Amino acid sequence: MRGYTVLTKYIETAMKHANYEMIDDEQCFYGEIPGFKGVYASAANLEVCRNELSEVLEEWIFFRVYNHLDLPEVDGIRLQIIKDLVA
């Protein structure tokens, strides 16, 4: 599939595991992804919450890659950080 990257697949697959709940007497939605500590979002409606959660996940991935931290495997998809490309 043209233009479809491993990173895109990883994010989409992780998002399928997201859990959402209504909080504050149905005034707000909260979402998180099990196994992705610190990845959560809240918003006034479910669609915005999903979009924000996806953005938080992407930033979380870039932060971990930048800091050479491992990423969890999701449904057999694994992103590996190559620390040294130059020998």
N, C-alpha and C. Protein backbone atom coordinates (compact mmCIF):
# COMPACT_ATOMS: atom_id res chain seq x y z
N MET A 1 0.85 -1.18 0.00
CA MET A 1 0.00 0.00 0.00
C MET A 1 0.89 1.24 0.00
N ARG A 2 0.77 2.06 -0.98
CA ARG A 2 1.60 3.23 -1.17
C ARG A 2 1.33 4.28 -0.09
N GLY A 3 2.41 4.83 0.49
CA GLY A 3 2.28 5.89 1.48
C GLY A 3 1.91 5.39 2.87
N TYR A 4 1.80 4.10 3.04
CA TYR A 4 1.41 3.53 4.32
C TYR A 4 2.67 3.09 5.04
N THR A 5 3.02 3.75 6.12
CA THR A 5 4.27 3.47 6.81
C THR A 5 4.04 2.56 8.01
N VAL A 6 5.12 1.98 8.50
CA VAL A 6 5.05 1.15 9.69
C VAL A 6 4.58 2.00 10.88
N LEU A 7 5.03 3.24 10.94
CA LEU A 7 4.60 4.12 12.03
C LEU A 7 3.09 4.35 11.99
N THR A 8 2.54 4.58 10.82
CA THR A 8 1.10 4.77 10.68
C THR A 8 0.36 3.52 11.13
N LYS A 9 0.81 2.37 10.70
CA LYS A 9 0.18 1.11 11.09
C LYS A 9 0.27 0.91 12.60
N TYR A 10 1.40 1.23 13.18
CA TYR A 10 1.61 1.09 14.63
C TYR A 10 0.61 1.98 15.38
N ILE A 11 0.49 3.23 14.96
CA ILE A 11 -0.44 4.16 15.63
C ILE A 11 -1.88 3.69 15.47
N GLU A 12 -2.26 3.31 14.27
CA GLU A 12 -3.63 2.85 14.04
C GLU A 12 -3.94 1.61 14.87
N THR A 13 -2.99 0.69 14.95
CA THR A 13 -3.21 -0.54 15.71
C THR A 13 -3.29 -0.24 17.20
N ALA A 14 -2.43 0.63 17.71
CA ALA A 14 -2.49 1.00 19.12
C ALA A 14 -3.82 1.68 19.45
N MET A 15 -4.29 2.53 18.55
CA MET A 15 -5.54 3.24 18.78
C MET A 15 -6.74 2.29 18.86
N LYS A 16 -6.66 1.14 18.22
CA LYS A 16 -7.74 0.15 18.30
C LYS A 16 -7.88 -0.41 19.72
N HIS A 17 -6.84 -0.26 20.52
CA HIS A 17 -6.87 -0.76 21.91
C HIS A 17 -7.29 0.33 22.91
N ALA A 18 -7.57 1.51 22.41
CA ALA A 18 -7.93 2.63 23.30
C ALA A 18 -9.24 2.35 24.03
N ASN A 19 -9.29 2.80 25.26
CA ASN A 19 -10.50 2.72 26.08
C ASN A 19 -11.00 4.13 26.32
N TYR A 20 -12.31 4.31 26.23
CA TYR A 20 -12.92 5.62 26.43
C TYR A 20 -14.02 5.51 27.48
N GLU A 21 -14.19 6.59 28.22
CA GLU A 21 -15.29 6.64 29.18
C GLU A 21 -15.78 8.07 29.32
N MET A 22 -17.04 8.20 29.67
CA MET A 22 -17.60 9.52 29.95
C MET A 22 -17.32 9.87 31.40
N ILE A 23 -16.89 11.09 31.60
CA ILE A 23 -16.64 11.56 32.97
C ILE A 23 -17.37 12.89 33.18
N ASP A 24 -17.40 13.34 34.40
CA ASP A 24 -18.04 14.61 34.74
C ASP A 24 -19.50 14.65 34.29
N ASP A 25 -20.27 13.65 34.69
CA ASP A 25 -21.70 13.61 34.37
C ASP A 25 -21.97 13.79 32.88
N GLU A 26 -21.22 13.04 32.08
CA GLU A 26 -21.38 13.02 30.62
C GLU A 26 -21.04 14.35 29.94
N GLN A 27 -20.20 15.15 30.57
CA GLN A 27 -19.77 16.41 29.98
C GLN A 27 -18.42 16.29 29.28
N CYS A 28 -17.74 15.16 29.47
CA CYS A 28 -16.39 15.04 28.95
C CYS A 28 -16.07 13.56 28.70
N PHE A 29 -15.25 13.29 27.69
CA PHE A 29 -14.77 11.95 27.41
C PHE A 29 -13.30 11.86 27.78
N TYR A 30 -12.91 10.72 28.31
CA TYR A 30 -11.53 10.44 28.68
C TYR A 30 -11.11 9.19 27.92
N GLY A 31 -9.91 9.22 27.34
CA GLY A 31 -9.40 8.06 26.62
C GLY A 31 -7.96 7.76 26.99
N GLU A 32 -7.63 6.48 26.99
CA GLU A 32 -6.25 6.04 27.26
C GLU A 32 -6.01 4.74 26.52
N ILE A 33 -4.72 4.39 26.37
CA ILE A 33 -4.35 3.15 25.69
C ILE A 33 -3.56 2.30 26.68
N PRO A 34 -4.09 1.14 27.05
CA PRO A 34 -3.37 0.26 27.97
C PRO A 34 -1.98 -0.08 27.44
N GLY A 35 -1.00 -0.05 28.33
CA GLY A 35 0.38 -0.36 27.95
C GLY A 35 1.19 0.83 27.48
N PHE A 36 0.54 1.99 27.35
CA PHE A 36 1.21 3.22 26.92
C PHE A 36 1.10 4.25 28.04
N LYS A 37 1.96 4.09 29.03
CA LYS A 37 1.90 4.92 30.23
C LYS A 37 2.05 6.40 29.88
N GLY A 38 1.10 7.19 30.36
CA GLY A 38 1.14 8.63 30.12
C GLY A 38 0.42 9.07 28.86
N VAL A 39 -0.12 8.12 28.10
CA VAL A 39 -0.85 8.47 26.87
C VAL A 39 -2.34 8.49 27.19
N TYR A 40 -2.87 9.70 27.33
CA TYR A 40 -4.29 9.86 27.62
C TYR A 40 -4.75 11.22 27.11
N ALA A 41 -6.06 11.37 26.98
CA ALA A 41 -6.63 12.63 26.51
C ALA A 41 -8.05 12.76 27.06
N SER A 42 -8.52 13.99 27.10
CA SER A 42 -9.92 14.23 27.45
C SER A 42 -10.43 15.39 26.59
N ALA A 43 -11.71 15.31 26.26
CA ALA A 43 -12.31 16.34 25.40
C ALA A 43 -13.83 16.32 25.58
N ALA A 44 -14.46 17.35 25.05
CA ALA A 44 -15.90 17.51 25.20
C ALA A 44 -16.70 16.45 24.44
N ASN A 45 -16.13 15.90 23.35
CA ASN A 45 -16.85 14.83 22.65
C ASN A 45 -15.87 13.73 22.25
N LEU A 46 -16.44 12.58 21.90
CA LEU A 46 -15.63 11.39 21.64
C LEU A 46 -14.70 11.57 20.43
N GLU A 47 -15.17 12.18 19.37
CA GLU A 47 -14.35 12.36 18.17
C GLU A 47 -13.11 13.21 18.47
N VAL A 48 -13.29 14.30 19.19
CA VAL A 48 -12.15 15.16 19.54
C VAL A 48 -11.21 14.42 20.48
N CYS A 49 -11.77 13.65 21.41
CA CYS A 49 -10.95 12.87 22.33
C CYS A 49 -10.09 11.87 21.56
N ARG A 50 -10.67 11.18 20.58
CA ARG A 50 -9.90 10.24 19.75
C ARG A 50 -8.77 10.95 19.01
N ASN A 51 -9.07 12.08 18.42
CA ASN A 51 -8.05 12.83 17.68
C ASN A 51 -6.92 13.28 18.60
N GLU A 52 -7.27 13.79 19.76
CA GLU A 52 -6.25 14.24 20.72
C GLU A 52 -5.42 13.07 21.22
N LEU A 53 -6.08 11.93 21.48
CA LEU A 53 -5.35 10.75 21.93
C LEU A 53 -4.35 10.29 20.88
N SER A 54 -4.73 10.32 19.63
CA SER A 54 -3.82 9.95 18.54
C SER A 54 -2.62 10.90 18.48
N GLU A 55 -2.85 12.18 18.65
CA GLU A 55 -1.76 13.16 18.65
C GLU A 55 -0.83 12.95 19.83
N VAL A 56 -1.40 12.69 21.01
CA VAL A 56 -0.59 12.43 22.20
C VAL A 56 0.26 11.18 21.98
N LEU A 57 -0.33 10.14 21.41
CA LEU A 57 0.41 8.91 21.13
C LEU A 57 1.58 9.19 20.19
N GLU A 58 1.34 9.94 19.14
CA GLU A 58 2.42 10.25 18.19
C GLU A 58 3.55 11.02 18.88
N GLU A 59 3.23 12.01 19.67
CA GLU A 59 4.25 12.77 20.40
C GLU A 59 4.99 11.88 21.38
N TRP A 60 4.28 10.98 22.05
CA TRP A 60 4.87 10.05 23.00
C TRP A 60 5.88 9.15 22.29
N ILE A 61 5.53 8.67 21.10
CA ILE A 61 6.44 7.82 20.32
C ILE A 61 7.70 8.60 19.95
N PHE A 62 7.55 9.81 19.45
CA PHE A 62 8.72 10.62 19.07
C PHE A 62 9.60 10.92 20.28
N PHE A 63 8.99 11.21 21.42
CA PHE A 63 9.75 11.45 22.65
C PHE A 63 10.58 10.22 23.01
N ARG A 64 9.97 9.06 22.96
CA ARG A 64 10.67 7.83 23.33
C ARG A 64 11.78 7.49 22.32
N VAL A 65 11.51 7.71 21.05
CA VAL A 65 12.55 7.47 20.04
C VAL A 65 13.72 8.42 20.27
N TYR A 66 13.43 9.69 20.47
CA TYR A 66 14.48 10.69 20.69
C TYR A 66 15.35 10.33 21.90
N ASN A 67 14.72 9.78 22.94
CA ASN A 67 15.43 9.43 24.16
C ASN A 67 15.89 7.98 24.21
N HIS A 68 15.82 7.29 23.07
CA HIS A 68 16.27 5.90 22.94
C HIS A 68 15.59 4.98 23.96
N LEU A 69 14.29 5.17 24.14
CA LEU A 69 13.51 4.33 25.05
C LEU A 69 12.71 3.31 24.23
N ASP A 70 12.53 2.15 24.79
CA ASP A 70 11.79 1.10 24.10
C ASP A 70 10.33 1.49 23.92
N LEU A 71 9.74 0.89 22.89
CA LEU A 71 8.32 1.07 22.61
C LEU A 71 7.64 -0.29 22.74
N PRO A 72 6.41 -0.30 23.26
CA PRO A 72 5.72 -1.59 23.39
C PRO A 72 5.33 -2.19 22.04
N GLU A 73 5.33 -3.50 21.99
CA GLU A 73 4.86 -4.20 20.80
C GLU A 73 3.33 -4.17 20.82
N VAL A 74 2.73 -3.97 19.64
CA VAL A 74 1.27 -3.90 19.53
C VAL A 74 0.83 -4.88 18.45
N ASP A 75 0.14 -5.92 18.85
CA ASP A 75 -0.38 -6.92 17.91
C ASP A 75 0.68 -7.38 16.91
N GLY A 76 1.87 -7.64 17.41
CA GLY A 76 2.96 -8.13 16.55
C GLY A 76 3.74 -7.06 15.83
N ILE A 77 3.33 -5.81 15.96
CA ILE A 77 4.05 -4.70 15.33
C ILE A 77 5.04 -4.14 16.33
N ARG A 78 6.27 -4.07 15.90
CA ARG A 78 7.32 -3.58 16.79
C ARG A 78 8.13 -2.49 16.10
N LEU A 79 8.28 -1.36 16.78
CA LEU A 79 9.17 -0.31 16.28
C LEU A 79 10.46 -0.43 17.05
N GLN A 80 11.55 -0.57 16.34
CA GLN A 80 12.85 -0.70 16.98
C GLN A 80 13.67 0.57 16.78
N ILE A 81 14.39 0.93 17.80
CA ILE A 81 15.25 2.09 17.76
C ILE A 81 16.67 1.61 17.47
N ILE A 82 17.20 2.08 16.34
CA ILE A 82 18.58 1.75 16.00
C ILE A 82 19.46 2.87 16.54
N LYS A 83 20.29 2.54 17.51
CA LYS A 83 21.06 3.57 18.22
C LYS A 83 22.25 4.08 17.45
N ASP A 84 22.96 3.21 16.77
CA ASP A 84 24.16 3.64 16.05
C ASP A 84 24.11 3.10 14.62
N LEU A 85 24.00 4.00 13.67
CA LEU A 85 24.02 3.58 12.27
C LEU A 85 25.43 3.64 11.68
N VAL A 86 26.29 4.42 12.30
CA VAL A 86 27.66 4.59 11.79
C VAL A 86 28.60 3.77 12.67
N ALA A 87 29.38 2.91 12.04
CA ALA A 87 30.31 2.06 12.81
C ALA A 87 31.63 2.77 12.99
